[in-house]
Protein backbone atom coordinates (compact mmCIF):
# COMPACT_ATOMS: atom_id res chain seq x y z
CA MET A 1 107.20 113.06 58.42
CA GLU A 2 106.91 110.14 60.85
CA ALA A 3 110.35 108.84 59.81
CA SER A 4 112.01 112.20 60.48
CA ARG A 5 110.26 112.47 63.82
CA LYS A 6 111.50 109.01 64.83
CA SER A 7 114.99 109.93 63.70
CA ALA A 8 114.91 112.99 65.92
CA ALA A 9 113.55 110.86 68.76
CA THR A 10 116.49 108.48 68.36
CA ALA A 11 118.95 111.36 68.65
CA ALA A 12 117.22 112.70 71.73
CA ALA A 13 117.08 109.26 73.31
CA THR A 14 120.85 109.04 72.96
CA CYS A 15 121.28 112.40 74.66
CA LEU A 16 118.88 111.33 77.41
CA LYS A 17 121.14 108.43 78.40
CA PRO A 18 122.99 109.88 81.39
CA SER A 19 126.56 109.16 82.34
CA ARG A 20 127.26 107.76 85.80
CA ARG A 21 128.49 111.18 86.86
CA GLY A 22 125.51 112.96 85.36
CA LYS A 23 123.13 110.57 87.08
CA ALA A 24 124.79 111.14 90.43
CA VAL A 25 124.58 114.91 90.06
CA GLY A 26 120.91 114.73 89.10
CA MET A 27 120.12 112.50 92.07
CA ARG A 28 121.87 114.86 94.47
CA GLN A 29 119.98 117.86 93.11
CA ALA A 30 116.61 116.15 93.33
CA LYS A 31 117.47 114.75 96.76
CA SER A 32 118.37 118.21 98.07
CA ARG A 33 115.11 119.71 96.78
CA ALA A 34 112.89 116.93 98.05
CA GLU A 35 114.35 116.08 101.47
CA THR A 36 113.12 119.31 103.10
CA GLN A 37 109.51 118.20 102.45
CA TRP A 38 109.81 114.78 104.05
CA THR A 39 108.68 115.50 107.60
CA ALA A 40 105.36 117.13 106.79
CA ARG A 41 104.62 114.68 103.98
CA GLY A 42 105.42 111.72 106.21
CA ALA A 43 102.92 112.79 108.84
CA GLY A 44 100.22 113.20 106.21
CA ALA A 45 100.96 109.77 104.74
CA ALA A 46 100.67 108.18 108.16
CA ARG A 47 97.26 109.75 108.73
CA GLY A 48 96.02 108.75 105.28
CA ALA A 49 97.23 105.17 105.34
CA GLY A 50 94.17 103.91 107.21
CA GLY A 51 94.11 100.13 107.27
CA ALA A 52 96.38 99.70 104.27
CA ARG A 53 98.62 96.64 104.46
CA PRO A 54 102.25 97.65 105.04
CA VAL A 55 104.78 96.93 102.33
CA VAL A 56 107.59 94.56 103.33
CA TYR A 57 110.94 95.33 101.66
CA GLY A 58 112.58 92.04 102.54
CA PRO A 59 111.79 88.88 104.46
CA VAL A 60 111.67 89.32 108.23
CA HIS A 61 114.37 86.94 109.43
CA ALA A 62 114.65 84.94 112.60
CA THR A 63 116.66 86.73 115.29
CA HIS A 64 119.73 84.52 114.90
CA GLU A 65 120.03 84.65 111.12
CA HIS A 66 123.21 86.50 110.12
CA ARG A 67 122.90 86.76 106.34
CA PHE A 68 120.51 89.23 104.75
CA ARG A 69 118.61 87.92 101.75
CA PRO A 70 117.22 90.56 99.37
CA GLN A 71 113.55 90.85 98.48
CA THR A 72 112.41 87.97 96.31
CA PRO A 73 112.63 89.10 92.65
CA GLY A 74 109.21 89.86 91.21
CA SER A 75 107.41 90.34 94.51
CA LEU A 76 107.05 94.12 94.11
CA THR A 77 106.62 95.93 90.81
CA LEU A 78 108.09 99.31 89.95
CA ARG A 79 104.63 100.90 90.13
CA GLN A 80 103.88 99.25 93.48
CA PHE A 81 107.19 100.42 94.91
CA VAL A 82 106.55 104.02 93.86
CA GLU A 83 103.00 103.94 95.24
CA SER A 84 104.19 102.31 98.48
CA LEU A 85 106.17 105.46 99.26
CA ARG A 86 102.86 107.16 100.06
CA ARG A 87 102.36 104.68 102.90
CA TRP A 88 105.75 105.06 104.55
CA THR A 89 105.33 105.81 108.24
CA PRO A 90 107.26 108.64 109.93
CA GLU A 91 109.56 105.97 111.43
CA MET A 92 110.35 104.55 107.98
CA ARG A 93 111.04 108.03 106.63
CA GLN A 94 113.36 108.77 109.51
CA ILE A 95 115.31 105.54 108.91
CA ALA A 96 115.63 106.40 105.22
CA GLN A 97 116.63 110.01 105.90
CA ILE A 98 119.44 108.92 108.22
CA ALA A 99 120.64 106.30 105.74
CA LEU A 100 120.72 108.93 102.98
CA THR A 101 123.19 111.03 104.97
CA ARG A 102 125.69 108.17 105.11
CA THR A 103 128.19 107.04 102.51
CA GLU A 104 128.07 103.57 100.99
CA ALA A 105 130.89 102.44 103.29
CA GLU A 106 129.13 103.87 106.35
CA ARG A 107 125.92 102.07 105.42
CA ALA A 108 127.82 98.79 105.07
CA ARG A 109 129.44 99.25 108.50
CA TYR A 110 126.09 100.07 110.10
CA LEU A 111 124.52 96.97 108.55
CA GLN A 112 127.33 94.81 109.95
CA GLN A 113 126.79 96.29 113.42
CA PHE A 114 123.03 95.82 113.06
CA HIS A 115 123.53 92.13 112.34
CA ALA A 116 126.17 91.68 115.02
CA GLY A 117 123.88 93.05 117.72
CA HIS A 118 120.86 90.90 116.99
CA HIS A 119 121.72 88.50 119.82
CA GLN A 120 121.16 91.26 122.35
CA ARG A 121 117.76 92.39 121.07
CA SER A 122 114.46 91.01 119.91
CA GLY A 123 113.48 91.31 116.26
CA GLY A 124 111.73 94.53 115.31
CA THR A 125 108.86 95.10 112.89
CA LEU A 126 111.07 97.41 110.78
CA ASP A 127 114.15 95.15 110.70
CA SER A 128 113.56 94.17 107.07
CA PHE A 129 113.15 97.82 106.11
CA VAL A 130 116.39 98.77 107.88
CA ARG A 131 118.23 96.00 106.03
CA TRP A 132 116.82 97.22 102.72
CA ALA A 133 117.54 100.92 103.37
CA TYR A 134 121.18 100.25 104.26
CA SER A 135 121.90 97.72 101.52
CA ASP A 136 120.07 98.96 98.38
CA PRO A 137 121.66 101.93 96.55
CA ARG A 138 118.27 102.67 94.99
CA LEU A 139 117.38 104.35 98.27
CA ASP A 140 119.12 107.42 96.80
CA ALA A 141 116.27 107.76 94.30
CA VAL A 142 113.56 107.99 96.99
CA PRO A 143 113.62 111.80 97.55
CA ALA A 144 113.17 112.43 93.81
CA LEU A 145 110.42 109.80 93.62
CA LEU A 146 108.58 111.47 96.48
CA ALA A 147 108.92 114.83 94.75
CA ASP A 148 107.32 113.37 91.61
CA LEU A 149 104.45 111.87 93.61
CA ASP A 150 103.60 115.31 95.01
CA ARG A 151 104.11 117.17 91.74
CA PRO A 152 101.09 119.35 90.78
CA GLU A 153 99.48 119.05 87.37
CA SER A 154 100.72 122.54 86.53
CA ASP A 155 104.26 121.08 86.32
CA TYR A 156 103.14 119.13 83.22
CA ALA A 157 101.56 122.12 81.45
CA GLY A 158 102.48 122.27 77.76
CA ALA A 159 104.20 118.86 77.72
CA LEU A 160 104.33 117.21 74.29
CA GLU A 161 102.47 113.90 74.56
CA HIS A 162 103.68 112.28 71.33
CA GLU A 163 107.35 113.01 71.92
CA ALA A 164 107.17 111.69 75.49
CA GLU A 165 105.52 108.44 74.41
CA VAL A 166 107.93 107.84 71.50
CA LEU A 167 111.01 108.41 73.66
CA VAL A 168 109.77 106.12 76.42
CA ALA A 169 108.92 103.36 73.96
CA MET A 170 112.26 103.61 72.17
CA ARG A 171 114.28 103.69 75.38
CA GLY A 172 112.55 100.77 77.09
CA GLU A 173 111.42 98.43 74.33
CA GLY A 174 113.29 95.13 74.15
CA LYS A 175 115.29 95.66 77.33
CA PRO A 176 115.21 93.34 80.36
CA ALA A 177 113.09 94.47 83.30
CA ALA A 178 116.07 95.22 85.55
CA GLN A 179 117.56 97.56 82.93
CA ARG A 180 114.24 99.36 82.46
CA VAL A 181 113.94 99.96 86.21
CA HIS A 182 117.51 101.30 86.20
CA ASP A 183 116.75 103.57 83.24
CA TYR A 184 113.60 104.92 84.89
CA LEU A 185 115.52 105.82 88.04
CA ALA A 186 118.17 107.46 85.84
CA LEU A 187 115.49 109.85 84.51
CA LEU A 188 114.87 111.24 87.99
CA GLY A 189 116.18 114.69 88.76
CA VAL A 190 117.75 115.34 85.36
CA GLU A 191 115.72 118.48 84.60
CA GLY A 192 118.80 120.57 85.35
CA SER A 193 120.98 118.86 82.74
CA GLU A 194 121.59 121.12 79.76
CA GLN A 195 122.57 118.11 77.62
CA VAL A 196 119.29 116.34 78.36
CA LYS A 197 117.21 119.44 77.72
CA ALA A 198 119.04 120.13 74.45
CA GLY A 199 118.45 116.58 73.24
CA LEU A 200 114.76 116.75 74.04
CA ALA A 201 114.42 120.23 72.54
CA SER A 202 115.66 118.85 69.19
CA LEU A 203 112.23 117.22 68.80
CA MET A 204 110.38 120.47 69.23
CA PRO A 205 109.80 123.60 67.16
CA LEU A 206 112.59 126.18 67.21
CA ARG A 207 112.64 128.35 70.33
CA THR A 208 110.31 126.07 72.26
CA PRO A 209 110.19 127.51 75.79
CA GLU A 210 112.34 125.66 78.30
CA PRO A 211 109.34 125.01 80.62
CA VAL A 212 107.76 122.95 77.83
CA VAL A 213 110.95 120.90 77.45
CA VAL A 214 111.09 120.25 81.19
CA ALA A 215 107.37 119.41 81.35
CA THR A 216 107.84 116.84 78.56
CA LEU A 217 110.67 115.20 80.46
CA ARG A 218 108.48 114.95 83.55
CA LEU A 219 105.69 113.48 81.44
CA MET A 220 108.14 110.83 80.21
CA ARG A 221 108.50 109.56 83.77
CA ARG A 222 104.72 109.37 84.15
CA ARG A 223 104.34 107.53 80.85
CA TRP A 224 107.19 105.18 81.82
CA LEU A 225 105.25 104.04 84.90
CA GLU A 226 102.14 103.51 82.77
CA ARG A 227 103.99 101.48 80.14
CA TYR A 228 106.58 99.57 82.19
CA GLY A 229 105.22 99.86 85.73
CA ASP A 230 104.68 96.09 85.97
CA ASP A 231 108.44 95.42 85.79
CA PRO A 232 109.67 93.81 89.04
CA PHE A 233 111.43 96.47 91.10
CA PHE A 234 113.78 93.92 92.64
CA ALA A 235 114.40 92.06 89.39
CA GLU A 236 117.83 90.48 89.03
CA ASP A 237 120.19 91.72 86.31
């Protein structure tokens, strides 16, 4: 029985591996759903932050330093990064929202202009965050991450615990940290993929309701953070 279950899990894990195109579509769908909630959520996060120490997304450079150096690998774990989103100030959310509306080329041009103008201005407290937001493509995952943080427990109703744990273990075990972080982000916003839902449904009894399939997928993301949350978010490939 256990062998057949693992065999089915292997098949579903293969289906759960998204293509580049599928990942992009999922990200856009999740981003569209989540972005409308940013403003109200940002104000609440600012009020609830209290005296919490702000998260720095990259070293704050001297005014005359031209080259941006990414965050030191290992200084922020995947779990810490996800939790840090709760403490984003309204200003940080606004910077991220604007960056999300720009193409990769537009972000690169803005970053060049940002660096070129540093002689005419003093360094700002959010300079390192601006550099990160306009240089790291993982910014695109932020709206979906925020949506997961605010997800009610009712969205997990009926989820199959065993199947979620087996799939997470099989997909992440033995992989380098950077690949696991990439795979976790690839699981965001894929609830609308018929291929993913069909692969996951193959582990379940015939005619399992679609809400149960979707809830199990969401539970996989929660279990991923529990199991692999200590992976460095900025780990090098």
